[in-house]
N, C-alpha and C. Protein backbone atom coordinates (compact mmCIF):
# COMPACT_ATOMS: atom_id res chain seq x y z
N MET A 1 -14.49 2.48 -0.18
CA MET A 1 -14.80 1.06 -0.25
C MET A 1 -14.10 0.47 -1.46
N ASN A 2 -13.84 -0.83 -1.44
CA ASN A 2 -13.10 -1.47 -2.50
C ASN A 2 -14.00 -1.85 -3.67
N THR A 3 -14.82 -0.93 -4.09
CA THR A 3 -15.64 -1.17 -5.26
C THR A 3 -14.97 -0.50 -6.44
N ILE A 4 -15.14 -1.09 -7.63
CA ILE A 4 -14.49 -0.54 -8.81
C ILE A 4 -15.34 0.58 -9.36
N SER A 5 -14.78 1.76 -9.38
CA SER A 5 -15.45 2.93 -9.90
C SER A 5 -14.40 3.80 -10.54
N SER A 6 -14.80 4.56 -11.55
CA SER A 6 -13.83 5.38 -12.25
C SER A 6 -13.15 6.34 -11.29
N ALA A 7 -11.83 6.24 -11.20
CA ALA A 7 -11.07 7.09 -10.28
C ALA A 7 -9.75 7.45 -10.93
N GLN A 8 -9.55 8.72 -11.17
CA GLN A 8 -8.30 9.18 -11.74
C GLN A 8 -7.18 9.06 -10.71
N PRO A 9 -6.04 8.50 -11.11
CA PRO A 9 -4.91 8.46 -10.18
C PRO A 9 -4.54 9.87 -9.74
N LEU A 10 -4.04 10.00 -8.54
CA LEU A 10 -3.66 11.31 -8.03
C LEU A 10 -2.49 11.86 -8.86
N GLY A 11 -2.60 13.11 -9.24
CA GLY A 11 -1.53 13.76 -9.97
C GLY A 11 -0.45 14.23 -9.01
N ASP A 12 0.60 14.83 -9.56
CA ASP A 12 1.71 15.28 -8.72
C ASP A 12 1.26 16.27 -7.66
N ALA A 13 0.39 17.20 -8.03
CA ALA A 13 -0.08 18.19 -7.07
C ALA A 13 -0.88 17.53 -5.95
N ASP A 14 -1.70 16.56 -6.30
CA ASP A 14 -2.48 15.83 -5.30
C ASP A 14 -1.56 15.05 -4.36
N LEU A 15 -0.56 14.39 -4.93
CA LEU A 15 0.35 13.60 -4.12
C LEU A 15 1.17 14.50 -3.18
N ASN A 16 1.58 15.65 -3.69
CA ASN A 16 2.30 16.59 -2.83
C ASN A 16 1.42 17.09 -1.69
N ARG A 17 0.16 17.32 -2.00
CA ARG A 17 -0.78 17.77 -0.96
C ARG A 17 -1.02 16.66 0.06
N LEU A 18 -1.17 15.43 -0.42
CA LEU A 18 -1.37 14.30 0.49
C LEU A 18 -0.15 14.13 1.39
N ASP A 19 1.02 14.25 0.81
CA ASP A 19 2.27 14.15 1.57
C ASP A 19 2.31 15.22 2.66
N ALA A 20 1.92 16.44 2.29
CA ALA A 20 1.93 17.54 3.26
C ALA A 20 0.93 17.31 4.38
N LEU A 21 -0.23 16.78 4.04
CA LEU A 21 -1.25 16.52 5.06
C LEU A 21 -0.80 15.41 6.02
N LEU A 22 -0.17 14.39 5.51
CA LEU A 22 0.35 13.32 6.37
C LEU A 22 1.33 13.90 7.38
N ASP A 23 2.18 14.80 6.91
CA ASP A 23 3.18 15.41 7.79
C ASP A 23 2.54 16.36 8.79
N GLU A 24 1.51 17.08 8.36
CA GLU A 24 0.83 18.01 9.26
C GLU A 24 0.07 17.28 10.36
N LEU A 25 -0.60 16.21 9.97
CA LEU A 25 -1.48 15.53 10.91
C LEU A 25 -0.74 14.64 11.90
N SER A 26 0.36 14.06 11.46
CA SER A 26 1.10 13.16 12.36
C SER A 26 2.54 13.06 11.88
N PRO A 27 3.33 14.10 12.12
CA PRO A 27 4.68 14.16 11.55
C PRO A 27 5.62 13.04 12.00
N ASP A 28 5.41 12.51 13.17
CA ASP A 28 6.32 11.49 13.70
C ASP A 28 5.93 10.06 13.38
N THR A 29 4.65 9.83 13.12
CA THR A 29 4.19 8.44 12.99
C THR A 29 3.43 8.13 11.71
N ALA A 30 3.07 9.13 10.92
CA ALA A 30 2.30 8.86 9.70
C ALA A 30 3.17 8.13 8.67
N MET A 31 2.51 7.38 7.80
CA MET A 31 3.21 6.72 6.72
C MET A 31 3.77 7.75 5.74
N LEU A 32 4.88 7.40 5.09
CA LEU A 32 5.36 8.16 3.96
C LEU A 32 4.60 7.69 2.72
N LEU A 33 4.66 8.48 1.65
CA LEU A 33 3.85 8.17 0.47
C LEU A 33 4.11 6.77 -0.09
N GLU A 34 5.38 6.37 -0.14
CA GLU A 34 5.69 5.05 -0.68
C GLU A 34 5.05 3.96 0.18
N GLU A 35 5.15 4.11 1.49
CA GLU A 35 4.55 3.12 2.38
C GLU A 35 3.03 3.13 2.25
N LEU A 36 2.45 4.32 2.15
CA LEU A 36 1.00 4.43 1.99
C LEU A 36 0.54 3.75 0.71
N ASP A 37 1.30 3.91 -0.36
CA ASP A 37 0.94 3.30 -1.64
C ASP A 37 0.94 1.78 -1.54
N GLY A 38 1.97 1.21 -0.92
CA GLY A 38 2.00 -0.23 -0.74
C GLY A 38 0.86 -0.71 0.16
N PHE A 39 0.59 0.07 1.20
CA PHE A 39 -0.51 -0.23 2.13
C PHE A 39 -1.84 -0.27 1.37
N MET A 40 -2.09 0.75 0.55
CA MET A 40 -3.35 0.82 -0.19
C MET A 40 -3.46 -0.33 -1.19
N ALA A 41 -2.33 -0.74 -1.76
CA ALA A 41 -2.36 -1.85 -2.71
C ALA A 41 -2.82 -3.14 -2.02
N ALA A 42 -2.33 -3.39 -0.82
CA ALA A 42 -2.76 -4.58 -0.08
C ALA A 42 -4.24 -4.50 0.29
N VAL A 43 -4.67 -3.32 0.72
CA VAL A 43 -6.09 -3.14 1.06
C VAL A 43 -6.96 -3.35 -0.18
N ALA A 44 -6.48 -2.85 -1.33
CA ALA A 44 -7.24 -2.98 -2.57
C ALA A 44 -7.30 -4.42 -3.07
N CYS A 45 -6.36 -5.25 -2.65
CA CYS A 45 -6.36 -6.65 -3.06
C CYS A 45 -7.53 -7.43 -2.45
N THR A 46 -7.97 -7.01 -1.29
CA THR A 46 -9.02 -7.76 -0.60
C THR A 46 -10.39 -7.42 -1.18
N PRO A 47 -11.27 -8.40 -1.24
CA PRO A 47 -12.58 -8.18 -1.88
C PRO A 47 -13.61 -7.51 -0.98
N ASP A 48 -13.35 -7.43 0.30
CA ASP A 48 -14.34 -6.88 1.22
C ASP A 48 -14.28 -5.37 1.28
N ASP A 49 -15.44 -4.73 1.31
CA ASP A 49 -15.51 -3.28 1.37
C ASP A 49 -14.95 -2.78 2.70
N ILE A 50 -14.33 -1.62 2.64
CA ILE A 50 -13.81 -1.01 3.86
C ILE A 50 -13.93 0.49 3.75
N ASP A 51 -14.23 1.12 4.85
CA ASP A 51 -14.37 2.58 4.90
C ASP A 51 -13.02 3.21 5.20
N ILE A 52 -12.74 4.32 4.54
CA ILE A 52 -11.48 5.03 4.76
C ILE A 52 -11.28 5.36 6.23
N GLU A 53 -12.35 5.65 6.94
CA GLU A 53 -12.25 5.98 8.37
C GLU A 53 -11.53 4.88 9.15
N GLU A 54 -11.76 3.63 8.74
CA GLU A 54 -11.15 2.51 9.44
C GLU A 54 -9.65 2.44 9.23
N LEU A 55 -9.16 3.08 8.17
CA LEU A 55 -7.74 3.01 7.84
C LEU A 55 -6.93 4.14 8.48
N LEU A 56 -7.60 5.19 8.93
CA LEU A 56 -6.89 6.37 9.42
C LEU A 56 -5.92 6.08 10.57
N PRO A 57 -6.29 5.31 11.59
CA PRO A 57 -5.34 5.06 12.69
C PRO A 57 -4.04 4.42 12.20
N GLU A 58 -4.14 3.46 11.29
CA GLU A 58 -2.95 2.79 10.78
C GLU A 58 -2.13 3.74 9.91
N ILE A 59 -2.79 4.49 9.06
CA ILE A 59 -2.09 5.41 8.15
C ILE A 59 -1.36 6.50 8.93
N LEU A 60 -2.00 7.00 9.98
CA LEU A 60 -1.42 8.09 10.75
C LEU A 60 -0.60 7.60 11.95
N GLY A 61 -0.60 6.30 12.20
CA GLY A 61 0.17 5.76 13.31
C GLY A 61 -0.37 6.17 14.66
N LEU A 62 -1.70 6.16 14.79
CA LEU A 62 -2.34 6.60 16.02
C LEU A 62 -2.58 5.43 16.96
N ASP A 63 -2.66 5.72 18.25
CA ASP A 63 -3.05 4.71 19.23
C ASP A 63 -4.53 4.40 19.05
N ASP A 64 -4.95 3.26 19.58
CA ASP A 64 -6.33 2.82 19.40
C ASP A 64 -7.36 3.85 19.86
N ASP A 65 -7.04 4.57 20.94
CA ASP A 65 -8.00 5.52 21.50
C ASP A 65 -7.73 6.96 21.05
N GLU A 66 -6.87 7.12 20.04
CA GLU A 66 -6.47 8.46 19.59
C GLU A 66 -7.22 8.83 18.31
N GLU A 67 -7.70 10.07 18.27
CA GLU A 67 -8.42 10.57 17.10
C GLU A 67 -7.49 11.42 16.24
N PRO A 68 -7.68 11.42 14.92
CA PRO A 68 -6.87 12.29 14.06
C PRO A 68 -7.04 13.76 14.47
N ALA A 69 -5.95 14.50 14.48
CA ALA A 69 -5.99 15.90 14.91
C ALA A 69 -6.23 16.82 13.72
N PHE A 70 -7.41 16.72 13.14
CA PHE A 70 -7.74 17.57 12.00
C PHE A 70 -7.92 19.01 12.47
N GLY A 71 -7.38 19.94 11.68
CA GLY A 71 -7.49 21.34 12.04
C GLY A 71 -8.86 21.92 11.74
N SER A 72 -9.59 21.27 10.82
CA SER A 72 -10.91 21.75 10.43
C SER A 72 -11.65 20.63 9.72
N ALA A 73 -12.96 20.83 9.56
CA ALA A 73 -13.76 19.85 8.83
C ALA A 73 -13.32 19.80 7.37
N ALA A 74 -12.91 20.95 6.84
CA ALA A 74 -12.46 21.00 5.45
C ALA A 74 -11.18 20.19 5.26
N GLN A 75 -10.27 20.27 6.22
CA GLN A 75 -9.03 19.50 6.13
C GLN A 75 -9.31 18.01 6.21
N ALA A 76 -10.20 17.63 7.11
CA ALA A 76 -10.57 16.21 7.25
C ALA A 76 -11.18 15.68 5.96
N SER A 77 -12.07 16.47 5.38
CA SER A 77 -12.73 16.06 4.14
C SER A 77 -11.73 15.93 3.00
N GLU A 78 -10.81 16.88 2.90
CA GLU A 78 -9.81 16.85 1.84
C GLU A 78 -8.91 15.63 1.98
N PHE A 79 -8.46 15.37 3.19
CA PHE A 79 -7.56 14.23 3.43
C PHE A 79 -8.24 12.91 3.09
N LYS A 80 -9.45 12.73 3.57
CA LYS A 80 -10.17 11.49 3.31
C LYS A 80 -10.49 11.32 1.83
N GLU A 81 -10.79 12.42 1.16
CA GLU A 81 -11.09 12.34 -0.27
C GLU A 81 -9.86 11.92 -1.07
N LEU A 82 -8.70 12.47 -0.72
CA LEU A 82 -7.47 12.08 -1.40
C LEU A 82 -7.16 10.60 -1.17
N LEU A 83 -7.34 10.14 0.05
CA LEU A 83 -7.11 8.73 0.36
C LEU A 83 -8.08 7.84 -0.40
N GLU A 84 -9.34 8.24 -0.43
CA GLU A 84 -10.37 7.46 -1.12
C GLU A 84 -10.07 7.38 -2.61
N ARG A 85 -9.71 8.49 -3.20
CA ARG A 85 -9.39 8.51 -4.63
C ARG A 85 -8.19 7.61 -4.92
N HIS A 86 -7.21 7.67 -4.05
CA HIS A 86 -6.01 6.86 -4.28
C HIS A 86 -6.33 5.37 -4.16
N LEU A 87 -7.07 5.01 -3.15
CA LEU A 87 -7.45 3.61 -2.98
C LEU A 87 -8.26 3.11 -4.17
N MET A 88 -9.20 3.92 -4.62
CA MET A 88 -10.05 3.51 -5.74
C MET A 88 -9.25 3.37 -7.03
N SER A 89 -8.30 4.28 -7.26
CA SER A 89 -7.51 4.19 -8.49
C SER A 89 -6.58 2.98 -8.46
N VAL A 90 -6.04 2.67 -7.30
CA VAL A 90 -5.20 1.47 -7.17
C VAL A 90 -6.04 0.21 -7.39
N ALA A 91 -7.22 0.18 -6.79
CA ALA A 91 -8.11 -0.97 -6.96
C ALA A 91 -8.51 -1.14 -8.41
N GLU A 92 -8.75 -0.03 -9.08
CA GLU A 92 -9.15 -0.10 -10.48
C GLU A 92 -8.03 -0.66 -11.35
N ALA A 93 -6.80 -0.21 -11.10
CA ALA A 93 -5.67 -0.70 -11.88
C ALA A 93 -5.42 -2.19 -11.63
N LEU A 94 -5.51 -2.61 -10.38
CA LEU A 94 -5.31 -4.02 -10.06
C LEU A 94 -6.40 -4.88 -10.68
N SER A 95 -7.62 -4.36 -10.69
CA SER A 95 -8.73 -5.10 -11.28
C SER A 95 -8.55 -5.24 -12.79
N ALA A 96 -8.03 -4.19 -13.42
CA ALA A 96 -7.82 -4.23 -14.87
C ALA A 96 -6.66 -5.14 -15.25
N GLY A 97 -5.78 -5.42 -14.28
CA GLY A 97 -4.63 -6.27 -14.56
C GLY A 97 -3.49 -5.55 -15.24
N GLU A 98 -3.55 -4.21 -15.25
CA GLU A 98 -2.51 -3.43 -15.89
C GLU A 98 -2.63 -1.97 -15.44
N GLY A 99 -1.59 -1.20 -15.72
CA GLY A 99 -1.66 0.24 -15.48
C GLY A 99 -1.35 0.67 -14.07
N PHE A 100 -0.82 -0.23 -13.25
CA PHE A 100 -0.50 0.16 -11.88
C PHE A 100 0.95 0.60 -11.80
N ALA A 101 1.18 1.84 -11.40
CA ALA A 101 2.53 2.38 -11.27
C ALA A 101 2.77 2.73 -9.81
N PRO A 102 3.54 1.94 -9.08
CA PRO A 102 3.74 2.20 -7.66
C PRO A 102 4.53 3.48 -7.42
N ILE A 103 4.28 4.08 -6.28
CA ILE A 103 5.03 5.27 -5.86
C ILE A 103 6.26 4.77 -5.10
N LEU A 104 7.44 5.02 -5.65
CA LEU A 104 8.67 4.52 -5.05
C LEU A 104 9.65 5.65 -4.83
N MET A 105 10.31 5.65 -3.67
CA MET A 105 11.36 6.61 -3.40
C MET A 105 12.63 6.15 -4.11
N HIS A 106 13.45 7.12 -4.52
CA HIS A 106 14.70 6.82 -5.22
C HIS A 106 15.89 7.30 -4.39
N ASP A 107 17.01 6.61 -4.57
CA ASP A 107 18.22 7.04 -3.86
C ASP A 107 18.89 8.17 -4.64
N ASP A 108 20.06 8.58 -4.21
CA ASP A 108 20.75 9.71 -4.83
C ASP A 108 21.14 9.44 -6.28
N ASP A 109 21.21 8.17 -6.64
CA ASP A 109 21.55 7.79 -8.02
C ASP A 109 20.31 7.61 -8.89
N GLY A 110 19.14 7.86 -8.30
CA GLY A 110 17.90 7.71 -9.06
C GLY A 110 17.38 6.29 -9.12
N THR A 111 17.88 5.42 -8.26
CA THR A 111 17.44 4.02 -8.24
C THR A 111 16.28 3.83 -7.28
N PRO A 112 15.16 3.28 -7.75
CA PRO A 112 14.04 3.02 -6.84
C PRO A 112 14.43 1.99 -5.79
N GLN A 113 13.93 2.18 -4.55
CA GLN A 113 14.34 1.31 -3.46
C GLN A 113 13.31 0.22 -3.13
N GLY A 114 12.06 0.59 -2.94
CA GLY A 114 11.01 -0.40 -2.73
C GLY A 114 10.83 -0.90 -1.31
N ASN A 115 11.71 -0.49 -0.40
CA ASN A 115 11.62 -1.01 0.98
C ASN A 115 10.32 -0.61 1.66
N LEU A 116 10.01 0.68 1.61
CA LEU A 116 8.81 1.15 2.29
C LEU A 116 7.54 0.64 1.61
N TRP A 117 7.58 0.42 0.31
CA TRP A 117 6.41 -0.12 -0.38
C TRP A 117 6.13 -1.53 0.14
N ALA A 118 7.18 -2.30 0.31
CA ALA A 118 7.03 -3.66 0.84
C ALA A 118 6.49 -3.63 2.26
N VAL A 119 7.04 -2.74 3.08
CA VAL A 119 6.57 -2.61 4.47
C VAL A 119 5.10 -2.21 4.49
N GLY A 120 4.73 -1.25 3.64
CA GLY A 120 3.34 -0.80 3.60
C GLY A 120 2.39 -1.91 3.18
N PHE A 121 2.80 -2.70 2.19
CA PHE A 121 1.95 -3.79 1.73
C PHE A 121 1.71 -4.80 2.85
N LEU A 122 2.78 -5.17 3.54
CA LEU A 122 2.64 -6.13 4.63
C LEU A 122 1.78 -5.57 5.75
N ARG A 123 1.88 -4.26 6.01
CA ARG A 123 1.00 -3.63 7.01
C ARG A 123 -0.45 -3.65 6.53
N GLY A 124 -0.64 -3.46 5.24
CA GLY A 124 -2.00 -3.45 4.69
C GLY A 124 -2.69 -4.80 4.82
N MET A 125 -1.90 -5.86 4.84
CA MET A 125 -2.49 -7.19 4.99
C MET A 125 -3.13 -7.39 6.36
N THR A 126 -2.70 -6.60 7.36
CA THR A 126 -3.23 -6.76 8.71
C THR A 126 -4.59 -6.10 8.88
N VAL A 127 -5.01 -5.31 7.90
CA VAL A 127 -6.29 -4.61 8.01
C VAL A 127 -7.45 -5.59 7.94
N GLN A 128 -7.35 -6.54 7.01
CA GLN A 128 -8.39 -7.56 6.85
C GLN A 128 -7.73 -8.94 6.79
N PRO A 129 -7.21 -9.40 7.92
CA PRO A 129 -6.44 -10.66 7.93
C PRO A 129 -7.23 -11.88 7.50
N ASP A 130 -8.54 -11.88 7.73
CA ASP A 130 -9.34 -13.04 7.36
C ASP A 130 -9.29 -13.28 5.85
N ALA A 131 -9.25 -12.21 5.08
CA ALA A 131 -9.19 -12.36 3.62
C ALA A 131 -7.89 -13.03 3.21
N TRP A 132 -6.78 -12.60 3.82
CA TRP A 132 -5.48 -13.18 3.47
C TRP A 132 -5.33 -14.61 3.97
N ASP A 133 -6.04 -14.94 5.04
CA ASP A 133 -5.99 -16.31 5.57
C ASP A 133 -6.61 -17.32 4.61
N ARG A 134 -7.36 -16.82 3.62
CA ARG A 134 -7.98 -17.73 2.65
C ARG A 134 -6.96 -18.31 1.67
N LEU A 135 -5.82 -17.67 1.56
CA LEU A 135 -4.80 -18.16 0.63
C LEU A 135 -4.26 -19.51 1.08
N ASP A 136 -3.91 -20.34 0.12
CA ASP A 136 -3.33 -21.63 0.47
C ASP A 136 -1.88 -21.43 0.93
N GLU A 137 -1.30 -22.49 1.45
CA GLU A 137 0.07 -22.41 1.97
C GLU A 137 1.05 -23.16 1.05
N SER A 138 0.79 -23.09 -0.24
CA SER A 138 1.65 -23.78 -1.19
C SER A 138 2.97 -23.03 -1.38
N GLU A 139 3.92 -23.71 -1.99
CA GLU A 139 5.21 -23.08 -2.28
C GLU A 139 5.02 -21.90 -3.24
N GLU A 140 4.08 -22.04 -4.15
CA GLU A 140 3.81 -20.97 -5.12
C GLU A 140 3.34 -19.71 -4.42
N THR A 141 2.45 -19.87 -3.45
CA THR A 141 1.96 -18.72 -2.69
C THR A 141 3.08 -18.13 -1.85
N GLY A 142 3.87 -18.99 -1.24
CA GLY A 142 4.99 -18.51 -0.43
C GLY A 142 5.97 -17.70 -1.26
N ALA A 143 6.17 -18.11 -2.50
CA ALA A 143 7.10 -17.40 -3.38
C ALA A 143 6.61 -15.99 -3.68
N LEU A 144 5.30 -15.79 -3.70
CA LEU A 144 4.76 -14.46 -3.96
C LEU A 144 5.11 -13.48 -2.85
N PHE A 145 5.27 -13.99 -1.65
CA PHE A 145 5.59 -13.13 -0.51
C PHE A 145 7.08 -12.82 -0.39
N GLU A 146 7.91 -13.61 -1.06
CA GLU A 146 9.36 -13.48 -0.88
C GLU A 146 9.91 -12.09 -1.21
N PRO A 147 9.52 -11.45 -2.33
CA PRO A 147 10.08 -10.12 -2.60
C PRO A 147 9.69 -9.08 -1.56
N PHE A 148 8.47 -9.17 -1.02
CA PHE A 148 8.04 -8.25 0.03
C PHE A 148 8.92 -8.42 1.27
N GLU A 149 9.13 -9.67 1.63
CA GLU A 149 9.91 -9.95 2.84
C GLU A 149 11.36 -9.52 2.67
N ALA A 150 11.94 -9.78 1.49
CA ALA A 150 13.34 -9.42 1.25
C ALA A 150 13.56 -7.92 1.36
N LEU A 151 12.65 -7.12 0.78
CA LEU A 151 12.80 -5.67 0.80
C LEU A 151 12.39 -5.07 2.14
N ALA A 152 11.38 -5.66 2.78
CA ALA A 152 10.94 -5.14 4.08
C ALA A 152 11.98 -5.38 5.16
N GLU A 153 12.73 -6.47 5.03
CA GLU A 153 13.70 -6.84 6.06
C GLU A 153 15.10 -6.30 5.79
N GLU A 154 15.27 -5.61 4.66
CA GLU A 154 16.61 -5.13 4.32
C GLU A 154 17.12 -4.09 5.31
N ILE A 155 16.22 -3.21 5.76
CA ILE A 155 16.62 -2.09 6.62
C ILE A 155 15.84 -2.12 7.92
N ASP A 156 16.53 -1.88 9.02
CA ASP A 156 15.89 -1.68 10.31
C ASP A 156 15.54 -0.19 10.37
N PHE A 157 14.25 0.13 10.19
CA PHE A 157 13.86 1.53 10.08
C PHE A 157 13.96 2.29 11.40
N GLU A 158 14.06 1.59 12.50
CA GLU A 158 14.22 2.28 13.78
C GLU A 158 15.66 2.76 13.96
N THR A 159 16.61 2.00 13.46
CA THR A 159 18.02 2.36 13.62
C THR A 159 18.65 2.88 12.33
N GLY A 160 18.01 2.57 11.19
CA GLY A 160 18.56 2.96 9.91
C GLY A 160 19.63 2.02 9.41
N GLU A 161 19.90 0.97 10.14
CA GLU A 161 20.94 0.03 9.76
C GLU A 161 20.44 -0.96 8.71
N VAL A 162 21.32 -1.29 7.78
CA VAL A 162 21.02 -2.31 6.78
C VAL A 162 21.28 -3.66 7.41
N SER A 163 20.25 -4.47 7.50
CA SER A 163 20.38 -5.75 8.19
C SER A 163 20.48 -6.92 7.23
N ALA A 164 19.97 -6.77 6.02
CA ALA A 164 20.03 -7.87 5.03
C ALA A 164 20.08 -7.24 3.65
N ALA A 165 21.27 -6.76 3.27
CA ALA A 165 21.44 -5.98 2.05
C ALA A 165 20.97 -6.73 0.80
N VAL A 166 20.29 -6.00 -0.08
CA VAL A 166 19.85 -6.54 -1.37
C VAL A 166 20.83 -6.07 -2.44
N ALA A 167 21.33 -6.98 -3.23
CA ALA A 167 22.28 -6.63 -4.29
C ALA A 167 21.61 -5.70 -5.29
N PRO A 168 22.34 -4.71 -5.80
CA PRO A 168 21.76 -3.74 -6.74
C PRO A 168 21.08 -4.41 -7.94
N GLU A 169 21.70 -5.43 -8.49
CA GLU A 169 21.13 -6.09 -9.66
C GLU A 169 19.88 -6.88 -9.33
N ARG A 170 19.67 -7.15 -8.05
CA ARG A 170 18.51 -7.93 -7.61
C ARG A 170 17.32 -7.04 -7.25
N ARG A 171 17.60 -5.79 -6.91
CA ARG A 171 16.55 -4.90 -6.39
C ARG A 171 15.40 -4.71 -7.39
N GLN A 172 15.73 -4.39 -8.64
CA GLN A 172 14.68 -4.17 -9.63
C GLN A 172 13.86 -5.42 -9.85
N GLU A 173 14.51 -6.58 -9.82
CA GLU A 173 13.78 -7.84 -9.97
C GLU A 173 12.77 -8.01 -8.84
N LEU A 174 13.17 -7.68 -7.62
CA LEU A 174 12.28 -7.81 -6.47
C LEU A 174 11.10 -6.84 -6.57
N ILE A 175 11.39 -5.61 -7.00
CA ILE A 175 10.32 -4.63 -7.15
C ILE A 175 9.31 -5.09 -8.19
N GLU A 176 9.80 -5.56 -9.32
CA GLU A 176 8.89 -6.04 -10.36
C GLU A 176 8.10 -7.25 -9.88
N ALA A 177 8.74 -8.12 -9.11
CA ALA A 177 8.05 -9.30 -8.58
C ALA A 177 6.96 -8.90 -7.59
N MET A 178 7.22 -7.85 -6.81
CA MET A 178 6.19 -7.36 -5.87
C MET A 178 4.94 -6.89 -6.61
N ILE A 179 5.16 -6.14 -7.68
CA ILE A 179 4.02 -5.62 -8.43
C ILE A 179 3.23 -6.76 -9.07
N GLU A 180 3.94 -7.71 -9.65
CA GLU A 180 3.26 -8.86 -10.24
C GLU A 180 2.50 -9.64 -9.17
N ALA A 181 3.10 -9.75 -7.99
CA ALA A 181 2.44 -10.47 -6.89
C ALA A 181 1.17 -9.75 -6.45
N ALA A 182 1.19 -8.42 -6.47
CA ALA A 182 -0.01 -7.67 -6.09
C ALA A 182 -1.16 -7.99 -7.03
N PHE A 183 -0.88 -8.04 -8.33
CA PHE A 183 -1.92 -8.42 -9.29
C PHE A 183 -2.41 -9.83 -9.01
N SER A 184 -1.48 -10.73 -8.72
CA SER A 184 -1.85 -12.12 -8.45
C SER A 184 -2.70 -12.24 -7.19
N PHE A 185 -2.29 -11.55 -6.13
CA PHE A 185 -3.07 -11.59 -4.89
C PHE A 185 -4.47 -11.05 -5.12
N HIS A 186 -4.57 -9.95 -5.86
CA HIS A 186 -5.88 -9.35 -6.13
C HIS A 186 -6.80 -10.36 -6.80
N GLU A 187 -6.28 -11.04 -7.82
CA GLU A 187 -7.11 -12.01 -8.54
C GLU A 187 -7.43 -13.22 -7.68
N ARG A 188 -6.45 -13.73 -6.95
CA ARG A 188 -6.66 -14.92 -6.13
C ARG A 188 -7.68 -14.67 -5.02
N LEU A 189 -7.55 -13.55 -4.33
CA LEU A 189 -8.45 -13.28 -3.22
C LEU A 189 -9.88 -13.09 -3.69
N ARG A 190 -10.06 -12.51 -4.84
CA ARG A 190 -11.41 -12.35 -5.37
C ARG A 190 -11.97 -13.68 -5.85
N THR A 191 -11.14 -14.50 -6.42
CA THR A 191 -11.58 -15.82 -6.85
C THR A 191 -12.02 -16.66 -5.65
N LEU A 192 -11.22 -16.60 -4.58
CA LEU A 192 -11.57 -17.35 -3.38
C LEU A 192 -12.85 -16.85 -2.74
N ALA A 193 -13.12 -15.55 -2.91
CA ALA A 193 -14.33 -14.98 -2.33
C ALA A 193 -15.52 -15.08 -3.28
N GLY A 194 -15.27 -15.65 -4.46
CA GLY A 194 -16.36 -15.80 -5.42
C GLY A 194 -16.70 -14.53 -6.13
N ARG A 195 -15.69 -13.62 -6.25
CA ARG A 195 -15.92 -12.36 -6.94
C ARG A 195 -14.88 -12.18 -8.03
N SER A 196 -15.27 -11.49 -9.07
CA SER A 196 -14.32 -11.12 -10.13
C SER A 196 -14.71 -9.76 -10.66
N ASP A 197 -13.79 -8.80 -10.50
CA ASP A 197 -14.07 -7.45 -10.95
C ASP A 197 -13.38 -7.13 -12.28
N ARG A 198 -12.62 -8.11 -12.80
CA ARG A 198 -11.88 -7.81 -14.00
C ARG A 198 -12.83 -7.59 -15.17
N HIS A 199 -12.47 -6.57 -15.95
CA HIS A 199 -13.29 -6.27 -17.11
C HIS A 199 -12.39 -5.85 -18.25
């Protein structure tokens, strides 16, 4: 649930295990870690509580009537616990207004890309659309979405083709703008809902 509680961010070993479980459970359709991180950030922005169970179909890319293919109760518990911890730590960082470090894939030159993070965030907005519908339609709000759209639309992930290339010098600016926008969305959505978790 999106309640603020002490949650340590997942360490490298935890993230590697989560990555492995995503691949084991749904190798063809599950989110990659970068996409999952962006997805969780969008979910954490919304003030309404949500159960991890509700997120599993989207995270694993399952059909509406399809159940996760857990190999055991222990595997199911481990997977859900890792997801819960990650969501809580992201929510805590966004609530604090600092300390959020996104998980980003890097190219061969070590440059973070941000495409999947943007895609994941936009997918996360569909989980609780009513919350996002509370935002106004001002130019300022529209500008907050621009970096997500620019990076999400750069690559056609079905074909691998670059459809709207982002200049190298612009990429880092867009990534930084996305992170700042996540903090802004978190604060705005809670204000609109009459809640404030910042401490």
